[in-house]
Amino acid sequence: MENLTALGTPEGAARLDEAVAAVGARELVDELGGYGARLDPVALSAGQRQLVALVRAYLAPAPLVILDEATCHLDPAAEARAETAFARRGGTLVVVAHRLTSALRARRILLMDGTRVTIGTHDELIRTSALYADLAGHWHPEPVS
């Protein structure tokens, strides 16, 4: 887990523990042998690599975070936990995703279709955008366990 500890955050271990817990990576860190474990990134699954990347992004002091399909390899519950953690982190969060569940958690949705751009809440877009209504009708939120 040198990938995480190499960041050298000023807040130290407590900040790292907070980030790991917030994005839901505690079980992964423990399973892999803790922060001092040496790992071959190739041996990690795509979802495990995403969790490590999410912890690193959460620790970064950036006031703007763009998560571009950053949770596509996570199950719906892990995706919700990670997105919720970033929303609570402070700053501006932009989530680029194709899952309706991500759109449902968003305060504002930007729908792009070629040169047409529409913005609104889920309910507003259902009422005002035939494309979004059609997409939402075909996407079914995955059950969160």
C-alpha atoms as a PDB file:
ATOM      1  CA  MET A   1       0.000   0.000   0.000  1.00  0.00           C
ATOM      2  CA  GLU A   2       3.043   2.173  -0.515  1.00  0.00           C
ATOM      3  CA  ASN A   3       0.952   3.772  -3.246  1.00  0.00           C
ATOM      4  CA  LEU A   4      -1.072   5.456  -0.488  1.00  0.00           C
ATOM      5  CA  THR A   5       1.593   6.219   2.083  1.00  0.00           C
ATOM      6  CA  ALA A   6       3.950   7.722  -0.512  1.00  0.00           C
ATOM      7  CA  LEU A   7       1.695  10.769  -0.594  1.00  0.00           C
ATOM      8  CA  GLY A   8       3.196  12.113   2.630  1.00  0.00           C
ATOM      9  CA  THR A   9       0.106  14.082   3.615  1.00  0.00           C
ATOM     10  CA  PRO A  10       0.719  16.640   6.355  1.00  0.00           C
ATOM     11  CA  GLU A  11      -2.109  15.265   8.470  1.00  0.00           C
ATOM     12  CA  GLY A  12      -0.380  11.876   8.532  1.00  0.00           C
ATOM     13  CA  ALA A  13      -1.885   8.539   9.353  1.00  0.00           C
ATOM     14  CA  ALA A  14      -5.163   9.901  10.724  1.00  0.00           C
ATOM     15  CA  ARG A  15      -5.951  11.623   7.422  1.00  0.00           C
ATOM     16  CA  LEU A  16      -5.073   8.454   5.497  1.00  0.00           C
ATOM     17  CA  ASP A  17      -7.318   6.370   7.774  1.00  0.00           C
ATOM     18  CA  GLU A  18     -10.126   8.891   7.243  1.00  0.00           C
ATOM     19  CA  ALA A  19      -9.781   8.673   3.460  1.00  0.00           C
ATOM     20  CA  VAL A  20      -9.625   4.874   3.447  1.00  0.00           C
ATOM     21  CA  ALA A  21     -12.744   4.643   5.613  1.00  0.00           C
ATOM     22  CA  ALA A  22     -14.625   7.340   3.690  1.00  0.00           C
ATOM     23  CA  VAL A  23     -14.299   5.714   0.267  1.00  0.00           C
ATOM     24  CA  GLY A  24     -14.803   2.209   1.623  1.00  0.00           C
ATOM     25  CA  ALA A  25     -11.294   0.810   1.181  1.00  0.00           C
ATOM     26  CA  ARG A  26     -10.676  -0.368   4.777  1.00  0.00           C
ATOM     27  CA  GLU A  27     -11.433  -4.022   3.993  1.00  0.00           C
ATOM     28  CA  LEU A  28      -9.114  -3.897   0.974  1.00  0.00           C
ATOM     29  CA  VAL A  29      -6.237  -2.346   2.952  1.00  0.00           C
ATOM     30  CA  ASP A  30      -6.610  -4.967   5.690  1.00  0.00           C
ATOM     31  CA  GLU A  31      -6.954  -7.824   3.184  1.00  0.00           C
ATOM     32  CA  LEU A  32      -3.762  -6.765   1.397  1.00  0.00           C
ATOM     33  CA  GLY A  33      -1.704  -6.527   4.587  1.00  0.00           C
ATOM     34  CA  GLY A  34      -2.008  -2.906   5.709  1.00  0.00           C
ATOM     35  CA  TYR A  35      -0.320   0.269   4.585  1.00  0.00           C
ATOM     36  CA  GLY A  36       3.159  -1.239   4.603  1.00  0.00           C
ATOM     37  CA  ALA A  37       2.275  -4.108   2.255  1.00  0.00           C
ATOM     38  CA  ARG A  38       4.195  -4.383  -0.995  1.00  0.00           C
ATOM     39  CA  LEU A  39       1.941  -5.053  -3.937  1.00  0.00           C
ATOM     40  CA  ASP A  40       2.122  -5.757  -7.611  1.00  0.00           C
ATOM     41  CA  PRO A  41      -0.551  -3.486  -9.130  1.00  0.00           C
ATOM     42  CA  VAL A  42      -1.158  -6.085 -11.842  1.00  0.00           C
ATOM     43  CA  ALA A  43      -2.279  -8.509  -9.120  1.00  0.00           C
ATOM     44  CA  LEU A  44      -5.115  -6.167  -8.098  1.00  0.00           C
ATOM     45  CA  SER A  45      -8.538  -6.333  -9.720  1.00  0.00           C
ATOM     46  CA  ALA A  46      -9.832  -3.316 -11.628  1.00  0.00           C
ATOM     47  CA  GLY A  47     -12.141  -2.493  -8.702  1.00  0.00           C
ATOM     48  CA  GLN A  48      -9.292  -2.720  -6.196  1.00  0.00           C
ATOM     49  CA  ARG A  49      -7.152  -0.399  -8.316  1.00  0.00           C
ATOM     50  CA  GLN A  50     -10.092   2.027  -8.479  1.00  0.00           C
ATOM     51  CA  LEU A  51     -10.398   2.031  -4.684  1.00  0.00           C
ATOM     52  CA  VAL A  52      -6.694   2.843  -4.298  1.00  0.00           C
ATOM     53  CA  ALA A  53      -7.035   5.644  -6.869  1.00  0.00           C
ATOM     54  CA  LEU A  54     -10.119   6.979  -5.076  1.00  0.00           C
ATOM     55  CA  VAL A  55      -8.236   7.120  -1.757  1.00  0.00           C
ATOM     56  CA  ARG A  56      -5.395   9.032  -3.452  1.00  0.00           C
ATOM     57  CA  ALA A  57      -7.861  11.463  -5.050  1.00  0.00           C
ATOM     58  CA  TYR A  58      -9.704  11.924  -1.745  1.00  0.00           C
ATOM     59  CA  LEU A  59      -6.419  12.841  -0.042  1.00  0.00           C
ATOM     60  CA  ALA A  60      -5.471  15.404  -2.675  1.00  0.00           C
ATOM     61  CA  PRO A  61      -6.109  19.006  -1.589  1.00  0.00           C
ATOM     62  CA  ALA A  62      -7.680  19.905  -4.942  1.00  0.00           C
ATOM     63  CA  PRO A  63     -10.845  22.032  -4.636  1.00  0.00           C
ATOM     64  CA  LEU A  64     -12.185  20.409  -7.828  1.00  0.00           C
ATOM     65  CA  VAL A  65     -12.402  16.641  -8.302  1.00  0.00           C
ATOM     66  CA  ILE A  66     -13.513  15.061 -11.553  1.00  0.00           C
ATOM     67  CA  LEU A  67     -14.434  11.396 -11.272  1.00  0.00           C
ATOM     68  CA  ASP A  68     -14.609  10.130 -14.847  1.00  0.00           C
ATOM     69  CA  GLU A  69     -16.021   6.597 -14.707  1.00  0.00           C
ATOM     70  CA  ALA A  70     -13.996   6.310 -11.495  1.00  0.00           C
ATOM     71  CA  THR A  71     -16.385   3.777  -9.975  1.00  0.00           C
ATOM     72  CA  CYS A  72     -17.319   1.732 -13.046  1.00  0.00           C
ATOM     73  CA  HIS A  73     -15.639  -1.403 -11.647  1.00  0.00           C
ATOM     74  CA  LEU A  74     -17.281  -1.113  -8.229  1.00  0.00           C
ATOM     75  CA  ASP A  75     -20.560  -2.663  -7.182  1.00  0.00           C
ATOM     76  CA  PRO A  76     -23.511  -0.279  -6.699  1.00  0.00           C
ATOM     77  CA  ALA A  77     -23.097  -0.030  -2.905  1.00  0.00           C
ATOM     78  CA  ALA A  78     -19.364   0.740  -3.172  1.00  0.00           C
ATOM     79  CA  GLU A  79     -20.059   3.262  -5.942  1.00  0.00           C
ATOM     80  CA  ALA A  80     -22.637   5.047  -3.776  1.00  0.00           C
ATOM     81  CA  ARG A  81     -20.295   5.103  -0.783  1.00  0.00           C
ATOM     82  CA  ALA A  82     -17.400   6.562  -2.780  1.00  0.00           C
ATOM     83  CA  GLU A  83     -19.519   9.219  -4.521  1.00  0.00           C
ATOM     84  CA  THR A  84     -21.155  10.192  -1.234  1.00  0.00           C
ATOM     85  CA  ALA A  85     -17.728  10.489   0.430  1.00  0.00           C
ATOM     86  CA  PHE A  86     -16.506  12.859  -2.282  1.00  0.00           C
ATOM     87  CA  ALA A  87     -19.707  14.895  -2.119  1.00  0.00           C
ATOM     88  CA  ARG A  88     -19.147  15.373   1.637  1.00  0.00           C
ATOM     89  CA  ARG A  89     -15.432  16.105   1.207  1.00  0.00           C
ATOM     90  CA  GLY A  90     -16.005  19.697   0.235  1.00  0.00           C
ATOM     91  CA  GLY A  91     -15.109  21.521  -2.929  1.00  0.00           C
ATOM     92  CA  THR A  92     -16.641  20.872  -6.310  1.00  0.00           C
ATOM     93  CA  LEU A  93     -17.333  17.343  -7.518  1.00  0.00           C
ATOM     94  CA  VAL A  94     -17.991  16.466 -11.153  1.00  0.00           C
ATOM     95  CA  VAL A  95     -18.988  12.859 -11.830  1.00  0.00           C
ATOM     96  CA  VAL A  96     -18.859  11.557 -15.392  1.00  0.00           C
ATOM     97  CA  ALA A  97     -20.836   8.346 -15.439  1.00  0.00           C
ATOM     98  CA  HIS A  98     -23.228   6.259 -17.446  1.00  0.00           C
ATOM     99  CA  ARG A  99     -25.090   4.713 -14.513  1.00  0.00           C
ATOM    100  CA  LEU A 100     -28.439   6.219 -13.641  1.00  0.00           C
ATOM    101  CA  THR A 101     -27.649   5.709  -9.955  1.00  0.00           C
ATOM    102  CA  SER A 102     -24.902   8.328 -10.229  1.00  0.00           C
ATOM    103  CA  ALA A 103     -27.296  10.765 -11.895  1.00  0.00           C
ATOM    104  CA  LEU A 104     -29.892  10.190  -9.179  1.00  0.00           C
ATOM    105  CA  ARG A 105     -27.349  11.209  -6.503  1.00  0.00           C
ATOM    106  CA  ALA A 106     -26.345  14.369  -8.350  1.00  0.00           C
ATOM    107  CA  ARG A 107     -27.689  17.809  -7.473  1.00  0.00           C
ATOM    108  CA  ARG A 108     -27.403  18.873 -11.120  1.00  0.00           C
ATOM    109  CA  ILE A 109     -27.108  16.732 -14.236  1.00  0.00           C
ATOM    110  CA  LEU A 110     -25.486  17.848 -17.461  1.00  0.00           C
ATOM    111  CA  LEU A 111     -26.854  15.860 -20.387  1.00  0.00           C
ATOM    112  CA  MET A 112     -24.814  16.109 -23.570  1.00  0.00           C
ATOM    113  CA  ASP A 113     -26.145  14.900 -26.908  1.00  0.00           C
ATOM    114  CA  GLY A 114     -23.935  15.970 -29.791  1.00  0.00           C
ATOM    115  CA  THR A 115     -24.053  19.766 -29.763  1.00  0.00           C
ATOM    116  CA  ARG A 116     -27.137  19.910 -27.493  1.00  0.00           C
ATOM    117  CA  VAL A 117     -26.546  20.413 -23.798  1.00  0.00           C
ATOM    118  CA  THR A 118     -29.256  20.292 -21.150  1.00  0.00           C
ATOM    119  CA  ILE A 119     -28.855  20.832 -17.416  1.00  0.00           C
ATOM    120  CA  GLY A 120     -31.225  20.179 -14.540  1.00  0.00           C
ATOM    121  CA  THR A 121     -32.164  17.834 -11.752  1.00  0.00           C
ATOM    122  CA  HIS A 122     -33.289  14.300 -12.474  1.00  0.00           C
ATOM    123  CA  ASP A 123     -36.961  15.290 -12.108  1.00  0.00           C
ATOM    124  CA  GLU A 124     -36.545  18.394 -14.280  1.00  0.00           C
ATOM    125  CA  LEU A 125     -34.832  16.423 -17.037  1.00  0.00           C
ATOM    126  CA  ILE A 126     -37.473  13.692 -16.945  1.00  0.00           C
ATOM    127  CA  ARG A 127     -40.075  16.422 -17.613  1.00  0.00           C
ATOM    128  CA  THR A 128     -38.138  18.538 -20.117  1.00  0.00           C
ATOM    129  CA  SER A 129     -35.823  16.208 -22.027  1.00  0.00           C
ATOM    130  CA  ALA A 130     -37.266  13.423 -24.156  1.00  0.00           C
ATOM    131  CA  LEU A 131     -33.770  11.958 -24.493  1.00  0.00           C
ATOM    132  CA  TYR A 132     -33.173  11.855 -20.734  1.00  0.00           C
ATOM    133  CA  ALA A 133     -36.650  10.472 -20.080  1.00  0.00           C
ATOM    134  CA  ASP A 134     -35.993   7.774 -22.661  1.00  0.00           C
ATOM    135  CA  LEU A 135     -32.599   6.964 -21.158  1.00  0.00           C
ATOM    136  CA  ALA A 136     -33.993   6.916 -17.628  1.00  0.00           C
ATOM    137  CA  GLY A 137     -36.798   4.644 -18.796  1.00  0.00           C
ATOM    138  CA  HIS A 138     -34.285   2.151 -20.067  1.00  0.00           C
ATOM    139  CA  TRP A 139     -31.883   2.410 -17.153  1.00  0.00           C
ATOM    140  CA  HIS A 140     -32.976   0.732 -14.010  1.00  0.00           C
ATOM    141  CA  PRO A 141     -31.208   1.620 -10.788  1.00  0.00           C
ATOM    142  CA  GLU A 142     -29.296  -1.368  -9.477  1.00  0.00           C
ATOM    143  CA  PRO A 143     -30.433  -2.530  -6.052  1.00  0.00           C
ATOM    144  CA  VAL A 144     -28.136  -1.410  -3.243  1.00  0.00           C
ATOM    145  CA  SER A 145     -27.452  -4.156  -0.745  1.00  0.00           C
END
